[in-house]
Amino acid sequence: MYLTIISAILLLASVASGVVALQGRDPWARLLGYTLVSSKVNMLIIVLALATEHSFYLDIALVYIVLSYIGVLVLADYMVGQATAYAPEVGE
């Protein structure tokens, strides 16, 4: 019962974060939305592991956490590189 309520709340939070990720006003807001969605999906996977009592779902959640973190770092580095590529040099 409690796991169902927790799952429903996390699902609603994921949808709200997905709206931020898709309709963010700038790329940084979209990246924040992506981070929020990935953390909520991770929590859903952990709740699924608790509900079904299958421990391999926890392994999937751990792998997803690592891949999500690396993805955020790569996207942030790419966006910083794009921003500095078109910025004028100081002193010009």
Protein backbone atom coordinates (compact mmCIF):
# COMPACT_ATOMS: atom_id res chain seq x y z
CA MET A 1 0.00 0.00 0.00
CA TYR A 2 2.69 2.46 1.02
CA LEU A 3 4.89 1.51 -1.91
CA THR A 4 2.02 2.22 -4.30
CA ILE A 5 1.50 5.68 -2.83
CA ILE A 6 5.22 6.41 -2.93
CA SER A 7 5.40 5.21 -6.53
CA ALA A 8 2.48 7.42 -7.55
CA ILE A 9 4.06 10.48 -5.92
CA LEU A 10 7.40 9.77 -7.61
CA LEU A 11 5.69 9.28 -10.95
CA LEU A 12 3.90 12.63 -10.65
CA ALA A 13 7.17 14.31 -9.65
CA SER A 14 8.88 12.70 -12.66
CA VAL A 15 6.22 14.06 -15.01
CA ALA A 16 6.60 17.56 -13.53
CA SER A 17 10.38 17.33 -13.88
CA GLY A 18 9.96 16.08 -17.44
CA VAL A 19 8.00 19.23 -18.28
CA VAL A 20 10.91 21.29 -16.96
CA ALA A 21 13.33 19.20 -19.02
CA LEU A 22 11.33 19.62 -22.22
CA GLN A 23 10.20 23.23 -21.88
CA GLY A 24 13.07 24.83 -19.97
CA ARG A 25 13.79 28.44 -20.82
CA ASP A 26 17.50 27.79 -21.36
CA PRO A 27 19.77 24.74 -21.71
CA TRP A 28 20.78 24.85 -18.04
CA ALA A 29 17.15 24.59 -16.94
CA ARG A 30 16.73 21.62 -19.28
CA LEU A 31 19.82 19.98 -17.80
CA LEU A 32 18.38 20.51 -14.34
CA GLY A 33 15.14 18.92 -15.50
CA TYR A 34 17.06 15.94 -16.88
CA THR A 35 18.84 15.54 -13.55
CA LEU A 36 15.55 15.68 -11.66
CA VAL A 37 13.92 13.12 -13.95
CA SER A 38 16.84 10.73 -13.66
CA SER A 39 16.85 10.93 -9.86
CA LYS A 40 13.10 10.29 -9.68
CA VAL A 41 13.35 7.33 -12.08
CA ASN A 42 16.14 5.98 -9.92
CA MET A 43 13.93 6.19 -6.85
CA LEU A 44 11.16 4.41 -8.77
CA ILE A 45 13.54 1.58 -9.64
CA ILE A 46 14.52 1.27 -5.98
CA VAL A 47 10.86 1.21 -4.91
CA LEU A 48 10.26 -1.48 -7.54
CA ALA A 49 13.12 -3.49 -6.05
CA LEU A 50 11.55 -3.20 -2.60
CA ALA A 51 8.08 -4.11 -3.87
CA THR A 52 9.15 -7.18 -5.86
CA GLU A 53 12.00 -8.20 -3.51
CA HIS A 54 14.36 -8.69 -6.49
CA SER A 55 17.83 -7.44 -5.65
CA PHE A 56 18.96 -7.17 -9.27
CA TYR A 57 16.82 -4.04 -9.61
CA LEU A 58 19.14 -2.39 -7.11
CA ASP A 59 22.07 -3.25 -9.37
CA ILE A 60 20.24 -1.64 -12.27
CA ALA A 61 19.61 1.46 -10.14
CA LEU A 62 23.29 1.72 -9.22
CA VAL A 63 24.38 1.48 -12.86
CA TYR A 64 21.76 4.06 -13.83
CA ILE A 65 23.01 6.44 -11.11
CA VAL A 66 26.57 6.24 -12.44
CA LEU A 67 25.51 6.66 -16.08
CA SER A 68 23.24 9.56 -15.20
CA TYR A 69 26.03 11.34 -13.34
CA ILE A 70 28.46 10.86 -16.22
CA GLY A 71 25.80 12.05 -18.68
CA VAL A 72 25.24 15.26 -16.73
CA LEU A 73 28.98 15.95 -16.62
CA VAL A 74 29.36 15.36 -20.36
CA LEU A 75 26.38 17.55 -21.24
CA ALA A 76 27.54 20.35 -18.93
CA ASP A 77 31.02 20.24 -20.42
CA TYR A 78 29.56 20.33 -23.92
CA MET A 79 27.33 23.29 -23.09
CA VAL A 80 30.19 25.22 -21.52
CA GLY A 81 32.31 24.52 -24.61
CA GLN A 82 29.54 25.76 -26.89
CA ALA A 83 29.08 28.91 -24.82
CA THR A 84 32.78 29.79 -24.88
CA ALA A 85 33.16 29.01 -28.60
CA TYR A 86 30.90 31.91 -29.55
CA ALA A 87 31.83 34.32 -26.76
CA PRO A 88 34.09 37.23 -27.74
CA GLU A 89 37.56 37.26 -26.29
CA VAL A 90 38.22 39.66 -23.45
CA GLY A 91 40.15 42.68 -24.67
CA GLU A 92 38.99 42.57 -28.28
